[in-house]
Amino acid sequence: MGRTTKSLGSTLDANGCQGRPLFLDEYNIYWTWDVVDPAKPMATIRGAVFDALVLIETATKRSVAGTSAWNEMDNVYGKMSNSFEMRPAGYVYHVFIRFLQGEMAHATSSLGELVTAFAVSSEFHHGVLLVN
């Protein structure tokens, strides 16, 4: 997703759209119209890791102005169930919204691609997220 948004951003910039905000809308790791299947990762920890990596990559590769994952609430794929039970990916969004506000700060991991580090800093707080 990071490479894709960076490529799209470069294309827009090359065609006179420099400085225009770029939004990534309705991305997901997997979907189908089948009934609930535990092997489908959107509502699992695998979906949460995917969402965290997408948020980090789109922010760091092209400073995407906003993202909107598909889908926020239902009994199959949503970040929450219809009874408002938070699923793993819902917590990812909660952490980003609640704790990762501010300017992006430099963060690296000595474990290479096994752990992705993301950090923010503001006058009031610092936040670090590790994804493995």
C-alpha atoms as a PDB file:
ATOM      1  CA  MET A   1       0.000   0.000   0.000  1.00  0.00           C
ATOM      2  CA  GLY A   2       2.870   2.357   0.755  1.00  0.00           C
ATOM      3  CA  ARG A   3       4.487   1.828  -2.629  1.00  0.00           C
ATOM      4  CA  THR A   4       1.113   2.191  -4.361  1.00  0.00           C
ATOM      5  CA  THR A   5       0.244   5.477  -2.657  1.00  0.00           C
ATOM      6  CA  LYS A   6       3.773   6.798  -3.252  1.00  0.00           C
ATOM      7  CA  SER A   7       3.495   5.921  -6.946  1.00  0.00           C
ATOM      8  CA  LEU A   8       0.061   7.522  -7.233  1.00  0.00           C
ATOM      9  CA  GLY A   9       1.304  10.605  -5.387  1.00  0.00           C
ATOM     10  CA  SER A  10       4.296  10.902  -7.732  1.00  0.00           C
ATOM     11  CA  THR A  11       1.991  10.632 -10.751  1.00  0.00           C
ATOM     12  CA  LEU A  12      -0.282  13.349  -9.365  1.00  0.00           C
ATOM     13  CA  ASP A  13       2.706  15.579  -8.557  1.00  0.00           C
ATOM     14  CA  ALA A  14       4.116  15.111 -12.070  1.00  0.00           C
ATOM     15  CA  ASN A  15       0.780  16.187 -13.532  1.00  0.00           C
ATOM     16  CA  GLY A  16       0.417  19.495 -11.728  1.00  0.00           C
ATOM     17  CA  CYS A  17      -1.245  18.333  -8.525  1.00  0.00           C
ATOM     18  CA  GLN A  18       1.605  19.045  -6.073  1.00  0.00           C
ATOM     19  CA  GLY A  19       0.455  19.673  -2.544  1.00  0.00           C
ATOM     20  CA  ARG A  20      -2.979  18.151  -3.073  1.00  0.00           C
ATOM     21  CA  PRO A  21      -4.078  15.864  -0.241  1.00  0.00           C
ATOM     22  CA  LEU A  22      -4.160  12.164  -1.034  1.00  0.00           C
ATOM     23  CA  PHE A  23      -6.632   9.836   0.690  1.00  0.00           C
ATOM     24  CA  LEU A  24      -6.615   6.037   0.736  1.00  0.00           C
ATOM     25  CA  ASP A  25     -10.238   4.949   0.883  1.00  0.00           C
ATOM     26  CA  GLU A  26     -11.735   1.538   1.648  1.00  0.00           C
ATOM     27  CA  TYR A  27      -8.661  -0.669   1.703  1.00  0.00           C
ATOM     28  CA  ASN A  28      -8.716  -4.138   3.260  1.00  0.00           C
ATOM     29  CA  ILE A  29      -6.726  -7.343   3.516  1.00  0.00           C
ATOM     30  CA  TYR A  30      -9.449  -9.682   2.250  1.00  0.00           C
ATOM     31  CA  TRP A  31     -13.144  -9.760   1.482  1.00  0.00           C
ATOM     32  CA  THR A  32     -15.819 -11.914  -0.044  1.00  0.00           C
ATOM     33  CA  TRP A  33     -19.577 -12.013   0.269  1.00  0.00           C
ATOM     34  CA  ASP A  34     -19.451 -15.484   1.833  1.00  0.00           C
ATOM     35  CA  VAL A  35     -20.664 -16.188   5.344  1.00  0.00           C
ATOM     36  CA  VAL A  36     -18.357 -15.784   8.345  1.00  0.00           C
ATOM     37  CA  ASP A  37     -15.211 -17.860   7.922  1.00  0.00           C
ATOM     38  CA  PRO A  38     -12.582 -17.809  10.696  1.00  0.00           C
ATOM     39  CA  ALA A  39      -9.833 -18.155   8.094  1.00  0.00           C
ATOM     40  CA  LYS A  40     -10.675 -14.698   6.706  1.00  0.00           C
ATOM     41  CA  PRO A  41      -8.273 -12.291   8.366  1.00  0.00           C
ATOM     42  CA  MET A  42     -10.039  -8.922   8.386  1.00  0.00           C
ATOM     43  CA  ALA A  43     -11.538  -9.436  11.849  1.00  0.00           C
ATOM     44  CA  THR A  44      -8.467 -11.187  13.285  1.00  0.00           C
ATOM     45  CA  ILE A  45      -5.055 -10.172  14.591  1.00  0.00           C
ATOM     46  CA  ARG A  46      -3.684 -10.680  11.057  1.00  0.00           C
ATOM     47  CA  GLY A  47      -6.050  -7.975   9.850  1.00  0.00           C
ATOM     48  CA  ALA A  48      -4.926  -5.725  12.700  1.00  0.00           C
ATOM     49  CA  VAL A  49      -1.252  -6.129  11.737  1.00  0.00           C
ATOM     50  CA  PHE A  50      -2.136  -5.419   8.099  1.00  0.00           C
ATOM     51  CA  ASP A  51      -4.063  -2.266   9.052  1.00  0.00           C
ATOM     52  CA  ALA A  52      -1.246  -1.005  11.285  1.00  0.00           C
ATOM     53  CA  LEU A  53       1.292  -1.515   8.507  1.00  0.00           C
ATOM     54  CA  VAL A  54      -0.950   0.236   5.962  1.00  0.00           C
ATOM     55  CA  LEU A  55      -1.380   3.237   8.263  1.00  0.00           C
ATOM     56  CA  ILE A  56       2.373   3.460   8.842  1.00  0.00           C
ATOM     57  CA  GLU A  57       3.336   2.949   5.199  1.00  0.00           C
ATOM     58  CA  THR A  58       0.865   5.457   3.804  1.00  0.00           C
ATOM     59  CA  ALA A  59       1.936   8.067   6.353  1.00  0.00           C
ATOM     60  CA  THR A  60       5.662   7.586   5.824  1.00  0.00           C
ATOM     61  CA  LYS A  61       5.812   6.916   2.075  1.00  0.00           C
ATOM     62  CA  ARG A  62       3.722   9.883   0.930  1.00  0.00           C
ATOM     63  CA  SER A  63       2.164  11.589   3.940  1.00  0.00           C
ATOM     64  CA  VAL A  64      -1.330  10.466   3.005  1.00  0.00           C
ATOM     65  CA  ALA A  65      -3.826  12.929   4.491  1.00  0.00           C
ATOM     66  CA  GLY A  66      -6.243  10.219   5.595  1.00  0.00           C
ATOM     67  CA  THR A  67      -7.267   6.610   5.305  1.00  0.00           C
ATOM     68  CA  SER A  68     -10.577   4.853   5.569  1.00  0.00           C
ATOM     69  CA  ALA A  69     -10.514   1.108   6.017  1.00  0.00           C
ATOM     70  CA  TRP A  70     -13.388  -1.047   4.871  1.00  0.00           C
ATOM     71  CA  ASN A  71     -15.472  -1.761   7.057  1.00  0.00           C
ATOM     72  CA  GLU A  72     -16.106  -0.242  10.442  1.00  0.00           C
ATOM     73  CA  MET A  73     -18.911  -2.400  11.823  1.00  0.00           C
ATOM     74  CA  ASP A  74     -20.770  -5.613  10.998  1.00  0.00           C
ATOM     75  CA  ASN A  75     -20.939  -9.217  12.157  1.00  0.00           C
ATOM     76  CA  VAL A  76     -18.533 -10.519   9.499  1.00  0.00           C
ATOM     77  CA  TYR A  77     -15.623  -8.191   8.747  1.00  0.00           C
ATOM     78  CA  GLY A  78     -16.024  -4.988  10.736  1.00  0.00           C
ATOM     79  CA  LYS A  79     -13.566  -3.383  13.116  1.00  0.00           C
ATOM     80  CA  MET A  80     -16.441  -3.884  15.589  1.00  0.00           C
ATOM     81  CA  SER A  81     -19.286  -6.360  15.693  1.00  0.00           C
ATOM     82  CA  ASN A  82     -22.887  -5.152  15.416  1.00  0.00           C
ATOM     83  CA  SER A  83     -23.011  -5.347  19.224  1.00  0.00           C
ATOM     84  CA  PHE A  84     -20.066  -2.876  19.451  1.00  0.00           C
ATOM     85  CA  GLU A  85     -17.532  -5.529  20.452  1.00  0.00           C
ATOM     86  CA  MET A  86     -14.112  -4.180  19.445  1.00  0.00           C
ATOM     87  CA  ARG A  87     -12.073  -6.503  17.245  1.00  0.00           C
ATOM     88  CA  PRO A  88      -8.252  -6.418  16.952  1.00  0.00           C
ATOM     89  CA  ALA A  89      -8.149  -3.959  14.040  1.00  0.00           C
ATOM     90  CA  GLY A  90     -10.537  -1.673  15.907  1.00  0.00           C
ATOM     91  CA  TYR A  91      -7.919  -1.391  18.637  1.00  0.00           C
ATOM     92  CA  VAL A  92      -5.319  -0.440  16.025  1.00  0.00           C
ATOM     93  CA  TYR A  93      -7.411   2.549  14.998  1.00  0.00           C
ATOM     94  CA  HIS A  94      -8.035   3.425  18.638  1.00  0.00           C
ATOM     95  CA  VAL A  95      -4.283   3.473  19.346  1.00  0.00           C
ATOM     96  CA  PHE A  96      -3.529   5.624  16.287  1.00  0.00           C
ATOM     97  CA  ILE A  97      -6.282   8.117  17.038  1.00  0.00           C
ATOM     98  CA  ARG A  98      -5.709   8.295  20.784  1.00  0.00           C
ATOM     99  CA  PHE A  99      -1.941   7.984  21.199  1.00  0.00           C
ATOM    100  CA  LEU A 100      -0.188   8.665  17.889  1.00  0.00           C
ATOM    101  CA  GLN A 101      -0.956  12.347  17.398  1.00  0.00           C
ATOM    102  CA  GLY A 102       1.809  14.772  16.460  1.00  0.00           C
ATOM    103  CA  GLU A 103       4.601  15.074  13.943  1.00  0.00           C
ATOM    104  CA  MET A 104       6.181  11.862  12.717  1.00  0.00           C
ATOM    105  CA  ALA A 105       9.502  11.172  14.406  1.00  0.00           C
ATOM    106  CA  HIS A 106      12.342   8.957  13.257  1.00  0.00           C
ATOM    107  CA  ALA A 107      11.973   5.361  14.472  1.00  0.00           C
ATOM    108  CA  THR A 108      13.838   2.234  13.450  1.00  0.00           C
ATOM    109  CA  SER A 109      14.122  -1.349  14.559  1.00  0.00           C
ATOM    110  CA  SER A 110      17.304  -3.378  14.764  1.00  0.00           C
ATOM    111  CA  LEU A 111      15.241  -6.383  13.640  1.00  0.00           C
ATOM    112  CA  GLY A 112      14.740  -5.073  10.104  1.00  0.00           C
ATOM    113  CA  GLU A 113      11.446  -6.111   8.541  1.00  0.00           C
ATOM    114  CA  LEU A 114      10.503  -8.317  11.506  1.00  0.00           C
ATOM    115  CA  VAL A 115       9.498  -5.256  13.544  1.00  0.00           C
ATOM    116  CA  THR A 116       8.188  -2.015  12.074  1.00  0.00           C
ATOM    117  CA  ALA A 117       8.594   1.020  14.301  1.00  0.00           C
ATOM    118  CA  PHE A 118       6.518   4.209  14.077  1.00  0.00           C
ATOM    119  CA  ALA A 119       6.870   7.241  16.318  1.00  0.00           C
ATOM    120  CA  VAL A 120       5.323  10.660  16.789  1.00  0.00           C
ATOM    121  CA  SER A 121       6.275  13.626  18.885  1.00  0.00           C
ATOM    122  CA  SER A 122       4.443  16.736  19.997  1.00  0.00           C
ATOM    123  CA  GLU A 123       4.864  19.440  22.583  1.00  0.00           C
ATOM    124  CA  PHE A 124       2.733  17.394  24.973  1.00  0.00           C
ATOM    125  CA  HIS A 125       3.726  13.777  24.407  1.00  0.00           C
ATOM    126  CA  HIS A 126       5.692  11.199  22.431  1.00  0.00           C
ATOM    127  CA  GLY A 127       4.255   7.968  21.060  1.00  0.00           C
ATOM    128  CA  VAL A 128       5.856   4.806  19.698  1.00  0.00           C
ATOM    129  CA  LEU A 129       4.171   1.851  18.007  1.00  0.00           C
ATOM    130  CA  LEU A 130       5.938  -1.443  17.275  1.00  0.00           C
ATOM    131  CA  VAL A 131       4.393  -3.911  14.832  1.00  0.00           C
ATOM    132  CA  ASN A 132       5.746  -7.451  14.577  1.00  0.00           C
END
